[in-house]
Amino acid sequence: MSPASAQPVPQPATEMPYSEAEYAAIMEQLITEDDEPVDNILSAKQQRLLTETLYNSWDGGGHKFLAEANVGLFHVMRNPAIVPDMLLSLDVEVRQDWWDKTQRSYFVWEFGKPPDVVVEIVSNTVGGEQTEKKRKYALMRVLYYLVFDPQHHLSAETLTIYRLDGLSYRRQDSLYLTEVKLGVALWEGVYEDVAGTWLRWTNEHGLLLPCGKELVEYERVEKETALAERETAQARAEQLAAQLRALGIDPVA
C-alpha cells in the first residue's frame, strides 16, 4: 500500500449541507464538555508535560500548531466525541472567540483536517487503546497514534508507535515522526516532584525538548556560567596588570 502521506486528507465540504440555523442547532446539542473528572493525577501530569513542552520549546517546525489534552475530538457531526489524552495538529489555528461552541472542541470539519498525532496514556485494561480507539483514529485519518503504557497493562511494551498506512495502522519502530518533525523518548526522571518513566518529545537529533522548568534552569546556569567567565577574565586581567606594574610597565599606558 502507498504511505498515508500519499493519500488525500479529507477536506470539509465546500457547501454546508445544513442551513446556518440547522447547523447551530446541531452544534448546540453536541456535548463538548461534561465537567466529569476522569483522569488520574499521573496521567494529568503526563498530559501537561507533553503539551507545555511544545509551547515552551518548539517552533512547530515553521508551522502553527495546536497541542491540547483531554479535549473532545469530533470526526463526524452528531457522533459522540472521542477524548484523546493528548493531540497535536499542525497548520491549524483556534479563532479568538474561544467560548463559541464551534471552538470548544476539535471539530475536524471546522479545522479542515484531523490531528497529526494522538497520544493515549494507558491506566487500566478497559480503555480500548489497542482496539476500539485505534480503529477510530485510523478512520479519522490521524497520521500517528502513540500508546504509552508505563504500567504494562496491555502488553510488555511501554511505548507503541503506529503510523497510518492506507486504511489502517502499521507499527513503526523509529521514534521519529518524520512528517511532524518531532521525535519521542522514554525518560527516567522527575517532573513536578514525581519520579518515574515519562514520555518526552525530542528534536531530530534525539535531544529532549526542555519543559518550562528546565528552560528556567538552563537560563540560570547560562547566566551563572557567563558571570563566572567574566569574573575569571577580570581576575586574569588584574593579575596581568599587577605583573606588568612589577616590571615597571604601566598597563594603562
C-alpha atoms as a PDB file:
ATOM      1  CA  MET A   1       0.000   0.000   0.000  1.00  0.00           C
ATOM      2  CA  SER A   2       1.119   3.517  -0.563  1.00  0.00           C
ATOM      3  CA  PRO A   3       2.028   5.506   2.557  1.00  0.00           C
ATOM      4  CA  ALA A   4      -0.619   7.609   4.235  1.00  0.00           C
ATOM      5  CA  SER A   5       1.119  10.791   3.241  1.00  0.00           C
ATOM      6  CA  ALA A   6       0.369   9.984  -0.392  1.00  0.00           C
ATOM      7  CA  GLN A   7      -3.348   9.771   0.253  1.00  0.00           C
ATOM      8  CA  PRO A   8      -5.512  12.888   0.189  1.00  0.00           C
ATOM      9  CA  VAL A   9      -6.693  14.184   3.525  1.00  0.00           C
ATOM     10  CA  PRO A  10     -10.477  14.501   3.575  1.00  0.00           C
ATOM     11  CA  GLN A  11     -11.444  18.150   3.227  1.00  0.00           C
ATOM     12  CA  PRO A  12     -14.575  19.808   4.555  1.00  0.00           C
ATOM     13  CA  ALA A  13     -17.427  20.108   2.085  1.00  0.00           C
ATOM     14  CA  THR A  14     -17.415  23.321   0.113  1.00  0.00           C
ATOM     15  CA  GLU A  15     -21.151  23.692   0.695  1.00  0.00           C
ATOM     16  CA  MET A  16     -22.622  23.187   4.155  1.00  0.00           C
ATOM     17  CA  PRO A  17     -25.413  20.575   3.899  1.00  0.00           C
ATOM     18  CA  TYR A  18     -27.323  22.406   6.635  1.00  0.00           C
ATOM     19  CA  SER A  19     -28.681  25.892   6.912  1.00  0.00           C
ATOM     20  CA  GLU A  20     -26.977  28.183   9.370  1.00  0.00           C
ATOM     21  CA  ALA A  21     -29.839  27.739  11.834  1.00  0.00           C
ATOM     22  CA  GLU A  22     -29.775  23.934  11.459  1.00  0.00           C
ATOM     23  CA  TYR A  23     -26.024  23.844  11.932  1.00  0.00           C
ATOM     24  CA  ALA A  24     -26.240  25.986  15.072  1.00  0.00           C
ATOM     25  CA  ALA A  25     -28.947  23.705  16.475  1.00  0.00           C
ATOM     26  CA  ILE A  26     -26.871  20.574  15.815  1.00  0.00           C
ATOM     27  CA  MET A  27     -23.761  22.104  17.354  1.00  0.00           C
ATOM     28  CA  GLU A  28     -25.701  23.165  20.424  1.00  0.00           C
ATOM     29  CA  GLN A  29     -26.726  19.566  21.045  1.00  0.00           C
ATOM     30  CA  LEU A  30     -23.170  18.212  20.912  1.00  0.00           C
ATOM     31  CA  ILE A  31     -21.610  17.515  24.290  1.00  0.00           C
ATOM     32  CA  THR A  32     -18.265  19.300  24.208  1.00  0.00           C
ATOM     33  CA  GLU A  33     -17.620  19.131  27.953  1.00  0.00           C
ATOM     34  CA  ASP A  34     -19.289  17.087  30.670  1.00  0.00           C
ATOM     35  CA  ASP A  35     -17.426  18.515  33.697  1.00  0.00           C
ATOM     36  CA  GLU A  36     -16.678  15.000  34.906  1.00  0.00           C
ATOM     37  CA  PRO A  37     -13.050  14.443  36.039  1.00  0.00           C
ATOM     38  CA  VAL A  38     -11.851  11.167  34.567  1.00  0.00           C
ATOM     39  CA  ASP A  39      -8.044  11.235  34.722  1.00  0.00           C
ATOM     40  CA  ASN A  40      -5.706  10.225  37.495  1.00  0.00           C
ATOM     41  CA  ILE A  41      -3.010  12.586  38.755  1.00  0.00           C
ATOM     42  CA  LEU A  42      -0.106  10.897  36.955  1.00  0.00           C
ATOM     43  CA  SER A  43      -1.943  10.888  33.619  1.00  0.00           C
ATOM     44  CA  ALA A  44      -2.743  14.578  34.104  1.00  0.00           C
ATOM     45  CA  LYS A  45       0.926  15.338  34.748  1.00  0.00           C
ATOM     46  CA  GLN A  46       1.986  13.348  31.673  1.00  0.00           C
ATOM     47  CA  GLN A  47      -0.520  15.225  29.534  1.00  0.00           C
ATOM     48  CA  ARG A  48       0.774  18.525  30.875  1.00  0.00           C
ATOM     49  CA  LEU A  49       4.384  17.551  30.179  1.00  0.00           C
ATOM     50  CA  LEU A  50       3.560  16.734  26.560  1.00  0.00           C
ATOM     51  CA  THR A  51       1.618  19.931  25.906  1.00  0.00           C
ATOM     52  CA  GLU A  52       3.567  22.566  27.825  1.00  0.00           C
ATOM     53  CA  THR A  53       6.894  21.368  26.469  1.00  0.00           C
ATOM     54  CA  LEU A  54       5.750  22.025  22.908  1.00  0.00           C
ATOM     55  CA  TYR A  55       4.562  25.534  23.701  1.00  0.00           C
ATOM     56  CA  ASN A  56       7.734  26.334  25.664  1.00  0.00           C
ATOM     57  CA  SER A  57      10.393  24.762  23.435  1.00  0.00           C
ATOM     58  CA  TRP A  58       9.103  24.064  19.926  1.00  0.00           C
ATOM     59  CA  ASP A  59       8.507  26.346  16.972  1.00  0.00           C
ATOM     60  CA  GLY A  60       6.232  23.905  15.197  1.00  0.00           C
ATOM     61  CA  GLY A  61       8.845  23.258  12.543  1.00  0.00           C
ATOM     62  CA  GLY A  62       7.743  26.519  10.939  1.00  0.00           C
ATOM     63  CA  HIS A  63       4.046  25.677  11.303  1.00  0.00           C
ATOM     64  CA  LYS A  64       1.333  26.975  13.564  1.00  0.00           C
ATOM     65  CA  PHE A  65       0.099  24.195  15.779  1.00  0.00           C
ATOM     66  CA  LEU A  66      -2.427  23.224  18.406  1.00  0.00           C
ATOM     67  CA  ALA A  67      -1.449  20.901  21.270  1.00  0.00           C
ATOM     68  CA  GLU A  68      -4.162  20.010  23.774  1.00  0.00           C
ATOM     69  CA  ALA A  69      -5.040  17.388  26.374  1.00  0.00           C
ATOM     70  CA  ASN A  70      -8.403  15.863  27.223  1.00  0.00           C
ATOM     71  CA  VAL A  71     -10.291  17.801  24.548  1.00  0.00           C
ATOM     72  CA  GLY A  72     -13.176  16.244  22.644  1.00  0.00           C
ATOM     73  CA  LEU A  73     -12.357  15.155  19.098  1.00  0.00           C
ATOM     74  CA  PHE A  74     -15.342  15.060  16.743  1.00  0.00           C
ATOM     75  CA  HIS A  75     -14.901  13.453  13.338  1.00  0.00           C
ATOM     76  CA  VAL A  76     -18.491  13.218  12.143  1.00  0.00           C
ATOM     77  CA  MET A  77     -21.300  15.563  13.076  1.00  0.00           C
ATOM     78  CA  ARG A  78     -23.838  14.110  15.515  1.00  0.00           C
ATOM     79  CA  ASN A  79     -21.418  11.349  16.600  1.00  0.00           C
ATOM     80  CA  PRO A  80     -20.192  11.433  20.207  1.00  0.00           C
ATOM     81  CA  ALA A  81     -16.662  12.666  20.753  1.00  0.00           C
ATOM     82  CA  ILE A  82     -13.618  10.567  21.437  1.00  0.00           C
ATOM     83  CA  VAL A  83     -11.348  12.226  24.003  1.00  0.00           C
ATOM     84  CA  PRO A  84      -7.635  11.560  23.421  1.00  0.00           C
ATOM     85  CA  ASP A  85      -5.238  12.123  26.281  1.00  0.00           C
ATOM     86  CA  MET A  86      -3.231  14.420  24.042  1.00  0.00           C
ATOM     87  CA  LEU A  87      -3.443  15.620  20.450  1.00  0.00           C
ATOM     88  CA  LEU A  88      -1.184  17.651  18.186  1.00  0.00           C
ATOM     89  CA  SER A  89      -2.336  19.253  14.956  1.00  0.00           C
ATOM     90  CA  LEU A  90      -0.181  21.267  12.562  1.00  0.00           C
ATOM     91  CA  ASP A  91      -1.286  24.147  10.353  1.00  0.00           C
ATOM     92  CA  VAL A  92      -4.379  24.935  12.357  1.00  0.00           C
ATOM     93  CA  GLU A  93      -5.322  27.960  14.389  1.00  0.00           C
ATOM     94  CA  VAL A  94      -8.006  28.461  17.004  1.00  0.00           C
ATOM     95  CA  ARG A  95     -10.096  31.546  16.454  1.00  0.00           C
ATOM     96  CA  GLN A  96     -10.260  34.195  19.143  1.00  0.00           C
ATOM     97  CA  ASP A  97     -13.902  33.511  20.033  1.00  0.00           C
ATOM     98  CA  TRP A  98     -12.789  30.780  22.429  1.00  0.00           C
ATOM     99  CA  TRP A  99     -16.187  30.365  24.069  1.00  0.00           C
ATOM    100  CA  ASP A 100     -18.091  29.846  20.836  1.00  0.00           C
ATOM    101  CA  LYS A 101     -19.499  26.324  20.625  1.00  0.00           C
ATOM    102  CA  THR A 102     -17.564  25.630  17.409  1.00  0.00           C
ATOM    103  CA  GLN A 103     -14.251  26.334  19.167  1.00  0.00           C
ATOM    104  CA  ARG A 104     -14.655  24.374  22.394  1.00  0.00           C
ATOM    105  CA  SER A 105     -13.655  21.022  20.918  1.00  0.00           C
ATOM    106  CA  TYR A 106     -11.644  19.730  17.991  1.00  0.00           C
ATOM    107  CA  PHE A 107     -14.218  19.527  15.206  1.00  0.00           C
ATOM    108  CA  VAL A 108     -12.473  18.068  12.163  1.00  0.00           C
ATOM    109  CA  TRP A 109     -14.872  19.832   9.781  1.00  0.00           C
ATOM    110  CA  GLU A 110     -14.135  23.200  11.427  1.00  0.00           C
ATOM    111  CA  PHE A 111     -10.341  22.811  11.449  1.00  0.00           C
ATOM    112  CA  GLY A 112     -10.331  21.214   7.992  1.00  0.00           C
ATOM    113  CA  LYS A 113      -8.128  18.278   8.964  1.00  0.00           C
ATOM    114  CA  PRO A 114      -7.665  15.593  11.636  1.00  0.00           C
ATOM    115  CA  PRO A 115      -4.886  15.889  14.225  1.00  0.00           C
ATOM    116  CA  ASP A 116      -1.459  14.715  13.098  1.00  0.00           C
ATOM    117  CA  VAL A 117      -0.628  12.964  16.370  1.00  0.00           C
ATOM    118  CA  VAL A 118      -2.766  11.431  19.088  1.00  0.00           C
ATOM    119  CA  VAL A 119      -1.353  10.039  22.337  1.00  0.00           C
ATOM    120  CA  GLU A 120      -3.226   7.702  24.650  1.00  0.00           C
ATOM    121  CA  ILE A 121      -1.936   7.018  28.173  1.00  0.00           C
ATOM    122  CA  VAL A 122      -2.961   3.591  29.452  1.00  0.00           C
ATOM    123  CA  SER A 123      -4.059   3.474  33.084  1.00  0.00           C
ATOM    124  CA  ASN A 124      -6.210   0.315  33.064  1.00  0.00           C
ATOM    125  CA  THR A 125      -7.271  -2.560  30.821  1.00  0.00           C
ATOM    126  CA  VAL A 126     -10.668  -1.244  29.722  1.00  0.00           C
ATOM    127  CA  GLY A 127      -9.780   1.879  27.740  1.00  0.00           C
ATOM    128  CA  GLY A 128      -9.658   0.206  24.321  1.00  0.00           C
ATOM    129  CA  GLU A 129      -6.376   1.867  23.362  1.00  0.00           C
ATOM    130  CA  GLN A 130      -5.271  -1.101  21.229  1.00  0.00           C
ATOM    131  CA  THR A 131      -8.721  -1.930  19.856  1.00  0.00           C
ATOM    132  CA  GLU A 132     -11.648   0.470  19.525  1.00  0.00           C
ATOM    133  CA  LYS A 133      -9.696   3.730  19.873  1.00  0.00           C
ATOM    134  CA  LYS A 134      -7.072   2.513  17.458  1.00  0.00           C
ATOM    135  CA  ARG A 135      -9.768   1.726  14.887  1.00  0.00           C
ATOM    136  CA  LYS A 136     -11.467   5.088  15.350  1.00  0.00           C
ATOM    137  CA  TYR A 137      -8.267   7.102  14.979  1.00  0.00           C
ATOM    138  CA  ALA A 138      -7.443   5.226  11.780  1.00  0.00           C
ATOM    139  CA  LEU A 139     -10.909   6.059  10.404  1.00  0.00           C
ATOM    140  CA  MET A 140     -10.287   9.706  11.307  1.00  0.00           C
ATOM    141  CA  ARG A 141      -7.013   9.580   9.313  1.00  0.00           C
ATOM    142  CA  VAL A 142      -4.834  10.549  12.285  1.00  0.00           C
ATOM    143  CA  LEU A 143      -1.327  10.065  10.916  1.00  0.00           C
ATOM    144  CA  TYR A 144       0.462   8.968  14.116  1.00  0.00           C
ATOM    145  CA  TYR A 145      -1.058   7.142  17.054  1.00  0.00           C
ATOM    146  CA  LEU A 146       1.060   6.620  20.184  1.00  0.00           C
ATOM    147  CA  VAL A 147       0.115   4.269  23.024  1.00  0.00           C
ATOM    148  CA  PHE A 148       2.038   4.941  26.245  1.00  0.00           C
ATOM    149  CA  ASP A 149       1.619   2.094  28.725  1.00  0.00           C
ATOM    150  CA  PRO A 150       4.025   2.760  31.633  1.00  0.00           C
ATOM    151  CA  GLN A 151       2.475   0.121  33.917  1.00  0.00           C
ATOM    152  CA  HIS A 152       2.229  -2.506  31.141  1.00  0.00           C
ATOM    153  CA  HIS A 153      -1.498  -3.022  31.494  1.00  0.00           C
ATOM    154  CA  LEU A 154      -1.893  -4.092  27.854  1.00  0.00           C
ATOM    155  CA  SER A 155       1.481  -5.593  26.951  1.00  0.00           C
ATOM    156  CA  ALA A 156       5.160  -5.680  27.826  1.00  0.00           C
ATOM    157  CA  GLU A 157       5.718  -2.650  25.577  1.00  0.00           C
ATOM    158  CA  THR A 158       5.945   0.695  27.333  1.00  0.00           C
ATOM    159  CA  LEU A 159       5.511   2.671  24.113  1.00  0.00           C
ATOM    160  CA  THR A 160       3.993   1.641  20.804  1.00  0.00           C
ATOM    161  CA  ILE A 161       4.010   3.953  17.787  1.00  0.00           C
ATOM    162  CA  TYR A 162       1.650   3.486  14.866  1.00  0.00           C
ATOM    163  CA  ARG A 163       1.724   5.246  11.519  1.00  0.00           C
ATOM    164  CA  LEU A 164      -1.232   5.296   9.174  1.00  0.00           C
ATOM    165  CA  ASP A 165      -0.720   3.043   6.171  1.00  0.00           C
ATOM    166  CA  GLY A 166      -3.677   3.000   3.828  1.00  0.00           C
ATOM    167  CA  LEU A 167      -6.798   2.414   5.885  1.00  0.00           C
ATOM    168  CA  SER A 168      -5.146   1.001   8.995  1.00  0.00           C
ATOM    169  CA  TYR A 169      -2.149   1.439  11.268  1.00  0.00           C
ATOM    170  CA  ARG A 170       1.227  -0.172  10.842  1.00  0.00           C
ATOM    171  CA  ARG A 171       3.606  -0.328  13.780  1.00  0.00           C
ATOM    172  CA  GLN A 172       6.651   1.917  13.470  1.00  0.00           C
ATOM    173  CA  ASP A 173       9.952   1.073  15.161  1.00  0.00           C
ATOM    174  CA  SER A 174      11.512   4.509  14.679  1.00  0.00           C
ATOM    175  CA  LEU A 175      10.962   7.040  17.454  1.00  0.00           C
ATOM    176  CA  TYR A 176      10.970   9.902  14.947  1.00  0.00           C
ATOM    177  CA  LEU A 177       7.705  11.186  13.490  1.00  0.00           C
ATOM    178  CA  THR A 178       9.034  12.321  10.142  1.00  0.00           C
ATOM    179  CA  GLU A 179       6.162  14.423   8.829  1.00  0.00           C
ATOM    180  CA  VAL A 180       5.751  16.191  12.150  1.00  0.00           C
ATOM    181  CA  LYS A 181       9.491  16.760  12.600  1.00  0.00           C
ATOM    182  CA  LEU A 182       9.351  15.580  16.202  1.00  0.00           C
ATOM    183  CA  GLY A 183      10.677  12.547  17.998  1.00  0.00           C
ATOM    184  CA  VAL A 184       9.719  10.878  21.256  1.00  0.00           C
ATOM    185  CA  ALA A 185      11.686   9.190  24.003  1.00  0.00           C
ATOM    186  CA  LEU A 186      11.130   7.407  27.295  1.00  0.00           C
ATOM    187  CA  TRP A 187      12.789   9.411  30.050  1.00  0.00           C
ATOM    188  CA  GLU A 188      13.549   8.381  33.601  1.00  0.00           C
ATOM    189  CA  GLY A 189      13.405  11.483  35.708  1.00  0.00           C
ATOM    190  CA  VAL A 190      11.461  13.834  37.950  1.00  0.00           C
ATOM    191  CA  TYR A 191       8.637  16.015  36.678  1.00  0.00           C
ATOM    192  CA  GLU A 192       6.577  18.132  39.072  1.00  0.00           C
ATOM    193  CA  ASP A 193       8.179  16.326  42.020  1.00  0.00           C
ATOM    194  CA  VAL A 194       7.205  12.877  40.749  1.00  0.00           C
ATOM    195  CA  ALA A 195       9.904  10.372  39.754  1.00  0.00           C
ATOM    196  CA  GLY A 196       9.061   7.874  37.059  1.00  0.00           C
ATOM    197  CA  THR A 197       9.110   6.963  33.397  1.00  0.00           C
ATOM    198  CA  TRP A 198       7.812   9.798  31.260  1.00  0.00           C
ATOM    199  CA  LEU A 199       7.054  10.187  27.575  1.00  0.00           C
ATOM    200  CA  ARG A 200       9.003  13.161  26.221  1.00  0.00           C
ATOM    201  CA  TRP A 201       9.374  14.994  22.919  1.00  0.00           C
ATOM    202  CA  THR A 202      12.748  15.180  21.190  1.00  0.00           C
ATOM    203  CA  ASN A 203      14.162  17.074  18.237  1.00  0.00           C
ATOM    204  CA  GLU A 204      15.514  15.498  15.044  1.00  0.00           C
ATOM    205  CA  HIS A 205      18.807  14.756  16.830  1.00  0.00           C
ATOM    206  CA  GLY A 206      17.121  12.836  19.630  1.00  0.00           C
ATOM    207  CA  LEU A 207      17.697  15.571  22.218  1.00  0.00           C
ATOM    208  CA  LEU A 208      14.916  16.219  24.710  1.00  0.00           C
ATOM    209  CA  LEU A 209      12.838  19.347  24.276  1.00  0.00           C
ATOM    210  CA  PRO A 210      13.017  21.055  27.677  1.00  0.00           C
ATOM    211  CA  CYS A 211       9.889  21.755  29.673  1.00  0.00           C
ATOM    212  CA  GLY A 212       9.320  25.188  31.190  1.00  0.00           C
ATOM    213  CA  LYS A 213      11.091  24.485  34.483  1.00  0.00           C
ATOM    214  CA  GLU A 214      14.100  23.047  32.662  1.00  0.00           C
ATOM    215  CA  LEU A 215      14.300  26.138  30.456  1.00  0.00           C
ATOM    216  CA  VAL A 216      14.403  28.355  33.529  1.00  0.00           C
ATOM    217  CA  GLU A 217      17.173  26.195  34.996  1.00  0.00           C
ATOM    218  CA  TYR A 218      19.151  26.278  31.734  1.00  0.00           C
ATOM    219  CA  GLU A 219      18.910  30.061  31.638  1.00  0.00           C
ATOM    220  CA  ARG A 220      20.039  30.296  35.259  1.00  0.00           C
ATOM    221  CA  VAL A 221      23.065  28.074  34.606  1.00  0.00           C
ATOM    222  CA  GLU A 222      23.948  30.043  31.463  1.00  0.00           C
ATOM    223  CA  LYS A 223      23.830  33.337  33.362  1.00  0.00           C
ATOM    224  CA  GLU A 224      25.944  31.953  36.209  1.00  0.00           C
ATOM    225  CA  THR A 225      28.443  30.498  33.734  1.00  0.00           C
ATOM    226  CA  ALA A 226      28.698  33.790  31.845  1.00  0.00           C
ATOM    227  CA  LEU A 227      29.178  35.683  35.114  1.00  0.00           C
ATOM    228  CA  ALA A 228      31.867  33.254  36.256  1.00  0.00           C
ATOM    229  CA  GLU A 229      33.654  33.612  32.914  1.00  0.00           C
ATOM    230  CA  ARG A 230      33.582  37.413  33.193  1.00  0.00           C
ATOM    231  CA  GLU A 231      34.872  37.280  36.758  1.00  0.00           C
ATOM    232  CA  THR A 232      37.641  34.875  35.717  1.00  0.00           C
ATOM    233  CA  ALA A 233      38.624  37.119  32.805  1.00  0.00           C
ATOM    234  CA  GLN A 234      38.652  40.150  35.093  1.00  0.00           C
ATOM    235  CA  ALA A 235      40.818  38.340  37.661  1.00  0.00           C
ATOM    236  CA  ARG A 236      43.285  37.322  34.943  1.00  0.00           C
ATOM    237  CA  ALA A 237      43.400  40.894  33.639  1.00  0.00           C
ATOM    238  CA  GLU A 238      44.107  42.226  37.125  1.00  0.00           C
ATOM    239  CA  GLN A 239      46.826  39.600  37.647  1.00  0.00           C
ATOM    240  CA  LEU A 240      48.475  40.523  34.356  1.00  0.00           C
ATOM    241  CA  ALA A 241      48.282  44.231  35.212  1.00  0.00           C
ATOM    242  CA  ALA A 242      49.981  43.549  38.557  1.00  0.00           C
ATOM    243  CA  GLN A 243      52.783  41.633  36.810  1.00  0.00           C
ATOM    244  CA  LEU A 244      53.294  44.490  34.325  1.00  0.00           C
ATOM    245  CA  ARG A 245      53.450  47.043  37.123  1.00  0.00           C
ATOM    246  CA  ALA A 246      56.047  44.880  38.912  1.00  0.00           C
ATOM    247  CA  LEU A 247      58.147  45.149  35.754  1.00  0.00           C
ATOM    248  CA  GLY A 248      57.742  48.914  35.754  1.00  0.00           C
ATOM    249  CA  ILE A 249      55.233  48.913  32.922  1.00  0.00           C
ATOM    250  CA  ASP A 250      52.061  50.943  33.170  1.00  0.00           C
ATOM    251  CA  PRO A 251      49.302  48.584  31.933  1.00  0.00           C
ATOM    252  CA  VAL A 252      47.014  51.501  31.011  1.00  0.00           C
ATOM    253  CA  ALA A 253      49.607  53.443  29.064  1.00  0.00           C
END
